Protein backbone atom coordinates (compact mmCIF):
# COMPACT_ATOMS: atom_id res chain seq x y z
CA UNK A 1 113.77 108.69 93.23
CA UNK A 2 111.92 107.57 96.36
CA UNK A 3 111.54 103.94 97.33
CA UNK A 4 109.72 103.24 100.56
CA UNK A 5 110.61 99.92 102.15
CA UNK A 6 108.63 98.26 104.86
CA UNK A 7 110.52 95.23 106.09
CA UNK A 8 108.06 93.93 108.62
CA UNK A 9 109.60 90.61 109.47
CA UNK A 10 111.29 90.10 112.84
CA UNK A 11 113.54 87.37 111.35
CA UNK A 12 112.48 84.74 113.86
CA UNK A 13 112.85 80.97 113.55
CA UNK A 14 109.87 80.76 111.18
CA UNK A 15 111.64 82.74 108.43
CA UNK A 16 111.76 80.58 105.28
CA UNK A 17 114.50 82.42 103.35
CA UNK A 18 117.53 84.66 103.82
CA UNK A 19 115.71 87.91 104.58
CA UNK A 20 118.71 90.19 103.99
CA UNK A 21 119.65 88.56 100.68
CA UNK A 22 116.09 88.64 99.33
CA UNK A 23 115.61 92.24 100.50
CA UNK A 24 118.76 93.29 98.62
CA UNK A 25 117.58 91.45 95.47
CA UNK A 26 114.13 93.03 95.62
CA UNK A 27 115.63 96.49 96.24
CA UNK A 28 117.95 96.06 93.23
CA UNK A 29 115.18 94.89 90.91
CA UNK A 30 112.67 97.58 91.94
CA UNK A 31 114.95 100.58 92.46
CA UNK A 32 113.58 102.20 89.29
CA UNK A 33 110.02 102.32 90.69
CA UNK A 34 109.40 105.58 92.58
CA UNK A 35 107.27 105.83 95.71
CA UNK A 36 106.25 102.20 96.23
CA UNK A 37 106.08 100.37 99.52
CA UNK A 38 107.02 96.72 99.82
CA UNK A 39 106.53 94.54 102.89
CA UNK A 40 108.95 91.63 103.10
CA UNK A 41 107.93 88.82 105.42
CA UNK A 42 109.80 85.61 106.16
CA UNK A 43 106.60 83.58 106.69
CA UNK A 44 102.82 83.90 106.56
CA UNK A 45 102.20 84.36 110.29
CA UNK A 46 102.17 88.17 110.45
CA UNK A 47 100.95 88.86 106.91
CA UNK A 48 97.40 90.05 107.68
CA UNK A 49 98.57 92.93 109.86
CA UNK A 50 101.95 94.00 108.56
CA UNK A 51 101.12 93.61 104.87
CA UNK A 52 97.81 95.48 105.00
CA UNK A 53 99.11 98.88 103.85
CA UNK A 54 102.04 98.38 101.42
CA UNK A 55 101.62 98.33 97.65
CA UNK A 56 103.31 94.94 97.42
CA UNK A 57 104.04 92.11 99.81
CA UNK A 58 106.63 89.35 99.48
CA UNK A 59 106.53 86.44 101.89
CA UNK A 60 107.88 82.98 102.45
CA UNK A 61 104.80 80.82 101.97
CA UNK A 62 106.52 77.44 102.32
CA UNK A 63 110.05 76.09 101.95
CA UNK A 64 111.31 77.13 98.46
CA UNK A 65 107.95 78.82 97.74
CA UNK A 66 107.48 82.57 98.06
CA UNK A 67 104.32 84.54 97.44
CA UNK A 68 103.96 88.02 95.94
CA UNK A 69 100.93 90.07 96.90
CA UNK A 70 99.65 93.15 95.08
CA UNK A 71 97.54 95.22 97.41
CA UNK A 72 95.51 92.78 99.45
CA UNK A 73 95.54 89.88 96.99
CA UNK A 74 98.13 87.25 96.14
């Protein structure tokens, strides 16, 4: 089984959630899906560039609000 992860976030002061915890949860819940790429971003600042290629994107949109993107749409 191949899971491709693309954690694009630099974990700076703008990160709106625990990046390592959320990454582990997403990895656990999607480990049965072969060959997907997921970008995980702590905020919306870098989304346009770093989330352009992955199949899915997960980002902190606001405090206690996260967004899931499929392709280029949310």
